[in-house]
Each structure stands twice: as C-alpha cells, then as structure tokens.
C-alpha cells in the first residue's frame, strides 16, 4: 500500500511515525506531543525537519500548535478522515472492530447505488472492463492475492461505469483502506468461490441495463462481506465464513 505523502524527505519519517501513533490511539485527543528534544532524538532529524513534519500533520487535521499550550493532538472529528495517509494508518494493521465496521458500512451505503448507476449509464467499453475484471476473478481463484487484486479492479470498474466523477473519486480515495481490509474476508478459496456467482449477477445485470438487479446483487455482496468481516477479528485463522448464504440460492427482495 503506497502512502500518499512521499517518503524520501527527511521529515517524512516524522509524518508517518507520529501520524500513525495518533491515528492508532497511542496519542489520544488533547495529548501533548513529546518535546522537540525528545522527537529530534527519536527520529534523528533536525528541528526544521521536525517542524515541517508537524506542519504536515497539522494540515491533515491531526495536530494543532498554540503558543500557550504547545502542540497537541486534535479530536478525531477534526481529522481529514479521507486523507490517504490517515486511511493508511487507520487500516494498515490491527484496525479496531469499530473502524472495520465503519468501512464496511460505507461499502453498504455506496456500492449498491453505484451498481445501479452503472447499469443505467455504462458505455460498451466500460461494460467490457467489468466483464474482463470478472474473468480475472475466475482466473485467479486459486491464487488469493491475485484474486484480491482482481476483486478490487472489478469494484472500481463498477464505480467508473457510473459516469459520476465524485463517486469514482471517493472510491479511489477509500481504496487505500479497501485494499487493506479485503484480505480479511477474501481469505479462503472456498469462500471466494461462493462469492463469484453474485459478482457474475452484478456484471450480467450491468451488461443488460437491469439496474434493480445490479443493485440487489451488489447489496448481497457487500452485506455478506460486512457480516464476514465482523464475525472474526483480523488474524483469527478462519478457513471459511461460517453460515454465509450462498449467492446462488439467494433471491434479493427487490430483484
């Protein structure tokens, strides 16, 4: 996963290490950051690089500096939650159940509607990209890492076919987090095979312009992914998603 802020600059290590500590709760809201002397020693950078790093984090809404109170962590509601680095730090490892749920809920809120719009607006070329992405999912079924990449490409292709630049922008920003959590519920060849019929239904509905069927099939996918994600914590070693309804036997109510 690539960080949005370039890592080559001297102050970048301040940005990424201190930013991650804030987002992961190691420094709580209102907490003062360590003194300049401590941070200069910890990161082995000069004071100018340290101050530049603090300035970058302030721009992301994580820190504020006041003459009387020093530099402190801002509350979460002040953070730029869609900043790619903030998403990366939040979801790169050991994401909390609450954070995982927030992202899963976002998918449920956005993706069924995106599938509906894609069925209404997709061009022949965009339908071709969706079909090719689906074919890649079938082709990589035995290779989970490649399957994850194909799965992500499929969902992006659906957003691209909406003809809505705002939706595509939101998807692309959030894709930093989506790529991080996808292996948590795209973890088993057997489970991945179970999800493919619903993806097939989405693709076929978009090809035929059946917007309600596209929406219903995508809702089945993202609600199933949310349930699977929330059933187990990261790293719990699940082999399959227990009790997940097979897409082949399901009939969404609004189809």
Protein backbone atom coordinates (compact mmCIF):
# COMPACT_ATOMS: atom_id res chain seq x y z
CA UNK A 1 0.00 0.00 0.00
CA UNK A 2 1.56 3.29 -1.08
CA UNK A 3 1.49 6.25 1.27
CA UNK A 4 0.24 9.49 -0.19
CA UNK A 5 3.00 11.53 1.44
CA UNK A 6 6.40 10.93 -0.17
CA UNK A 7 8.79 9.00 2.00
CA UNK A 8 12.07 10.38 0.67
CA UNK A 9 12.10 13.70 2.53
CA UNK A 10 13.88 13.89 5.88
CA UNK A 11 10.72 14.95 7.68
CA UNK A 12 8.64 12.11 6.16
CA UNK A 13 9.57 9.71 8.94
CA UNK A 14 8.15 12.22 11.41
CA UNK A 15 4.94 12.45 9.40
CA UNK A 16 4.44 8.69 9.13
CA UNK A 17 5.59 7.59 12.59
CA UNK A 18 3.88 10.35 14.54
CA UNK A 19 0.77 10.28 12.33
CA UNK A 20 0.38 6.53 12.77
CA UNK A 21 0.77 6.85 16.55
CA UNK A 22 -2.03 9.42 16.63
CA UNK A 23 -4.44 7.58 14.35
CA UNK A 24 -3.91 4.27 16.16
CA UNK A 25 -4.64 5.86 19.52
CA UNK A 26 -1.16 5.79 21.01
CA UNK A 27 -1.52 9.53 21.50
CA UNK A 28 -5.09 10.37 22.50
CA UNK A 29 -7.06 13.52 21.69
CA UNK A 30 -5.78 16.51 23.64
CA UNK A 31 -2.50 14.79 24.44
CA UNK A 32 0.65 16.87 24.10
CA UNK A 33 3.20 15.51 21.68
CA UNK A 34 6.67 14.80 23.09
CA UNK A 35 9.01 17.74 23.28
CA UNK A 36 11.13 18.83 20.33
CA UNK A 37 14.25 17.49 22.07
CA UNK A 38 12.63 14.07 22.51
CA UNK A 39 11.38 13.90 18.94
CA UNK A 40 14.65 15.13 17.43
CA UNK A 41 16.44 12.36 19.30
CA UNK A 42 13.87 9.71 18.44
CA UNK A 43 13.76 10.43 14.72
CA UNK A 44 17.33 11.67 14.31
CA UNK A 45 16.27 14.69 12.32
CA UNK A 46 16.94 18.40 12.67
CA UNK A 47 14.50 20.80 14.25
CA UNK A 48 13.50 22.26 10.89
CA UNK A 49 12.59 18.79 9.57
CA UNK A 50 10.68 18.04 12.75
CA UNK A 51 8.70 21.26 12.49
CA UNK A 52 7.95 20.58 8.84
CA UNK A 53 6.60 17.15 9.79
CA UNK A 54 4.39 18.67 12.49
CA UNK A 55 3.15 21.22 9.95
CA UNK A 56 2.15 18.41 7.54
CA UNK A 57 0.23 16.61 10.31
CA UNK A 58 -1.49 19.84 11.25
CA UNK A 59 -2.62 20.11 7.63
CA UNK A 60 -4.18 16.66 7.93
CA UNK A 61 -6.11 17.86 10.98
CA UNK A 62 -4.20 15.67 13.46
CA UNK A 63 -2.24 18.30 15.37
CA UNK A 64 -2.63 21.90 16.45
CA UNK A 65 0.05 24.18 17.82
CA UNK A 66 -0.67 27.03 20.21
CA UNK A 67 1.83 29.36 21.80
CA UNK A 68 0.36 28.87 25.27
CA UNK A 69 -0.45 25.14 25.10
CA UNK A 70 2.19 23.75 22.76
CA UNK A 71 1.41 21.08 20.17
CA UNK A 72 -1.46 18.74 20.93
CA UNK A 73 -3.46 16.01 19.25
CA UNK A 74 -6.77 17.17 17.82
CA UNK A 75 -10.00 15.19 18.33
CA UNK A 76 -10.96 12.68 15.64
CA UNK A 77 -13.79 14.84 14.33
CA UNK A 78 -11.15 17.37 13.25
CA UNK A 79 -9.11 14.84 11.26
CA UNK A 80 -9.22 14.67 7.48
CA UNK A 81 -10.60 11.13 7.53
CA UNK A 82 -10.37 10.76 3.75
CA UNK A 83 -6.72 11.76 3.61
CA UNK A 84 -4.91 8.76 2.06
CA UNK A 85 -2.30 8.66 4.80
CA UNK A 86 -4.90 8.82 7.57
CA UNK A 87 -6.73 5.93 5.92
CA UNK A 88 -3.47 4.02 5.51
CA UNK A 89 -2.55 4.44 9.18
CA UNK A 90 -6.06 3.58 10.31
CA UNK A 91 -6.36 0.37 8.30
CA UNK A 92 -2.83 -0.86 7.63
CA UNK A 93 -2.70 -3.24 10.58
CA UNK A 94 -4.65 -4.10 13.73
CA UNK A 95 -7.63 -1.98 12.76
CA UNK A 96 -10.21 -1.83 15.53
CA UNK A 97 -13.61 -3.54 15.10
CA UNK A 98 -15.24 -0.10 15.14
CA UNK A 99 -13.01 1.11 12.31
CA UNK A 100 -13.64 -2.05 10.30
CA UNK A 101 -17.37 -1.65 10.80
CA UNK A 102 -17.22 1.99 9.64
CA UNK A 103 -15.57 0.99 6.39
CA UNK A 104 -17.88 -1.98 5.83
CA UNK A 105 -20.88 0.27 6.43
CA UNK A 106 -19.53 2.75 3.89
CA UNK A 107 -19.41 -0.01 1.28
CA UNK A 108 -23.01 -0.97 2.05
CA UNK A 109 -24.06 2.66 1.71
CA UNK A 110 -22.24 3.32 -1.58
CA UNK A 111 -21.72 0.22 -3.67
CA UNK A 112 -25.29 -0.97 -4.32
CA UNK A 113 -26.15 2.50 -5.59
CA UNK A 114 -23.02 2.55 -7.71
CA UNK A 115 -24.02 -0.75 -9.32
CA UNK A 116 -27.46 0.66 -10.07
CA UNK A 117 -25.98 3.75 -11.72
CA UNK A 118 -23.52 1.61 -13.68
CA UNK A 119 -26.40 -0.44 -15.10
CA UNK A 120 -28.05 2.78 -16.20
CA UNK A 121 -25.02 4.60 -17.59
CA UNK A 122 -22.18 2.23 -18.54
CA UNK A 123 -20.71 2.53 -22.00
CA UNK A 124 -19.93 -0.61 -24.04
CA UNK A 125 -16.23 -0.13 -23.26
CA UNK A 126 -16.92 0.12 -19.53
CA UNK A 127 -19.08 -2.98 -19.64
CA UNK A 128 -16.13 -4.67 -21.28
CA UNK A 129 -13.83 -3.66 -18.43
CA UNK A 130 -16.30 -5.06 -15.89
CA UNK A 131 -16.51 -8.32 -17.81
CA UNK A 132 -12.72 -8.55 -18.07
CA UNK A 133 -12.36 -7.93 -14.33
CA UNK A 134 -14.86 -10.67 -13.59
CA UNK A 135 -12.95 -13.04 -15.86
CA UNK A 136 -9.77 -12.19 -13.94
CA UNK A 137 -11.52 -13.12 -10.69
CA UNK A 138 -12.44 -16.53 -12.08
CA UNK A 139 -8.92 -16.99 -13.45
CA UNK A 140 -7.20 -16.16 -10.16
CA UNK A 141 -9.49 -18.12 -7.87
CA UNK A 142 -6.66 -20.44 -6.81
CA UNK A 143 -4.31 -17.52 -6.04
CA UNK A 144 -5.84 -15.44 -3.19
CA UNK A 145 -3.50 -12.43 -3.51
CA UNK A 146 -4.19 -12.13 -7.23
CA UNK A 147 -7.88 -12.69 -6.58
CA UNK A 148 -7.91 -9.72 -4.19
CA UNK A 149 -6.40 -7.51 -6.89
CA UNK A 150 -8.96 -8.71 -9.44
CA UNK A 151 -11.78 -8.19 -6.95
CA UNK A 152 -10.67 -4.62 -6.28
CA UNK A 153 -10.43 -3.99 -10.04
CA UNK A 154 -13.97 -5.32 -10.53
CA UNK A 155 -15.44 -2.97 -7.94
CA UNK A 156 -13.51 0.00 -9.30
CA UNK A 157 -14.77 -0.79 -12.79
CA UNK A 158 -18.33 -0.62 -11.47
CA UNK A 159 -17.69 2.82 -9.97
CA UNK A 160 -16.02 4.01 -13.17
CA UNK A 161 -19.10 2.95 -15.13
CA UNK A 162 -21.36 5.21 -13.05
CA UNK A 163 -20.28 8.25 -15.10
CA UNK A 164 -20.03 10.14 -11.80
CA UNK A 165 -16.65 11.68 -11.06
CA UNK A 166 -17.50 12.34 -7.40
CA UNK A 167 -18.33 8.69 -6.73
CA UNK A 168 -15.21 7.49 -8.52
CA UNK A 169 -13.08 9.97 -6.58
CA UNK A 170 -14.50 8.77 -3.25
CA UNK A 171 -13.89 5.15 -4.26
CA UNK A 172 -10.31 5.83 -5.30
CA UNK A 173 -9.52 7.68 -2.07
CA UNK A 174 -11.05 4.98 0.10
CA UNK A 175 -9.39 2.23 -1.96
CA UNK A 176 -6.33 2.61 0.28
CA UNK A 177 -8.41 1.20 3.12
CA UNK A 178 -10.36 -1.24 0.95
CA UNK A 179 -7.14 -2.86 -0.21
CA UNK A 180 -6.05 -3.25 3.39
CA UNK A 181 -9.18 -4.98 4.67
CA UNK A 182 -10.06 -7.06 1.61
CA UNK A 183 -7.75 -9.97 2.62
CA UNK A 184 -9.64 -10.19 5.92
CA UNK A 185 -12.74 -11.50 4.15
CA UNK A 186 -11.16 -12.66 0.87
CA UNK A 187 -9.14 -15.24 2.73
CA UNK A 188 -10.31 -18.63 1.52
CA UNK A 189 -10.52 -20.17 -1.94
CA UNK A 190 -13.77 -21.90 -0.96
CA UNK A 191 -15.23 -18.65 0.32
CA UNK A 192 -14.09 -16.71 -2.75
CA UNK A 193 -15.74 -19.28 -4.98
CA UNK A 194 -19.01 -18.75 -3.10
CA UNK A 195 -18.93 -15.01 -3.82
CA UNK A 196 -18.38 -15.31 -7.56
CA UNK A 197 -22.00 -16.04 -8.60
CA UNK A 198 -23.12 -12.75 -7.02
CA UNK A 199 -20.34 -10.89 -8.83
CA UNK A 200 -21.48 -12.63 -12.01
CA UNK A 201 -25.02 -11.41 -11.33
CA UNK A 202 -23.79 -7.83 -10.91
CA UNK A 203 -21.86 -7.96 -14.16
CA UNK A 204 -24.71 -9.52 -16.12
CA UNK A 205 -27.24 -7.03 -14.75
CA UNK A 206 -25.00 -4.13 -15.74
CA UNK A 207 -24.48 -5.64 -19.20
CA UNK A 208 -28.26 -5.84 -19.68
CA UNK A 209 -29.09 -2.50 -18.09
CA UNK A 210 -31.11 -4.10 -15.26
CA UNK A 211 -30.47 -1.52 -12.58
CA UNK A 212 -32.56 -3.07 -9.79
CA UNK A 213 -30.93 -6.48 -10.24
CA UNK A 214 -27.48 -4.88 -10.28
CA UNK A 215 -28.23 -3.01 -7.07
CA UNK A 216 -29.66 -6.07 -5.32
CA UNK A 217 -26.78 -8.34 -6.32
CA UNK A 218 -24.18 -5.80 -5.18
CA UNK A 219 -26.01 -5.34 -1.89
CA UNK A 220 -25.77 -9.08 -1.36
CA UNK A 221 -22.01 -8.92 -1.92
CA UNK A 222 -21.25 -6.02 0.40
CA UNK A 223 -23.61 -7.08 3.17
CA UNK A 224 -22.11 -10.56 3.05
CA UNK A 225 -18.62 -9.07 3.19
CA UNK A 226 -19.60 -6.93 6.17
CA UNK A 227 -21.04 -9.90 8.05
CA UNK A 228 -17.98 -11.99 7.27
CA UNK A 229 -15.61 -9.22 8.33
CA UNK A 230 -17.35 -8.58 11.63
CA UNK A 231 -17.66 -12.28 12.53
CA UNK A 232 -13.96 -12.58 13.21
CA UNK A 233 -11.11 -10.35 14.23
CA UNK A 234 -8.07 -9.94 11.96
CA UNK A 235 -5.75 -12.91 12.13
CA UNK A 236 -8.21 -15.30 13.73
CA UNK A 237 -7.38 -18.03 11.22
CA UNK A 238 -10.88 -18.63 9.88
CA UNK A 239 -10.90 -21.03 6.96
CA UNK A 240 -14.31 -20.03 5.71
CA UNK A 241 -17.10 -17.63 6.51
CA UNK A 242 -19.46 -19.76 8.60
CA UNK A 243 -23.12 -19.54 7.79
CA UNK A 244 -22.80 -17.23 4.79
CA UNK A 245 -25.72 -17.70 2.46
CA UNK A 246 -24.72 -18.87 -0.96
CA UNK A 247 -25.44 -16.25 -3.60
CA UNK A 248 -26.78 -18.99 -5.88
CA UNK A 249 -29.63 -19.73 -3.51
CA UNK A 250 -30.45 -16.19 -2.53
CA UNK A 251 -33.17 -14.08 -4.01
CA UNK A 252 -32.76 -10.42 -3.02
CA UNK A 253 -36.14 -8.92 -2.25
CA UNK A 254 -36.03 -6.13 -4.83
CA UNK A 255 -34.81 -8.14 -7.80
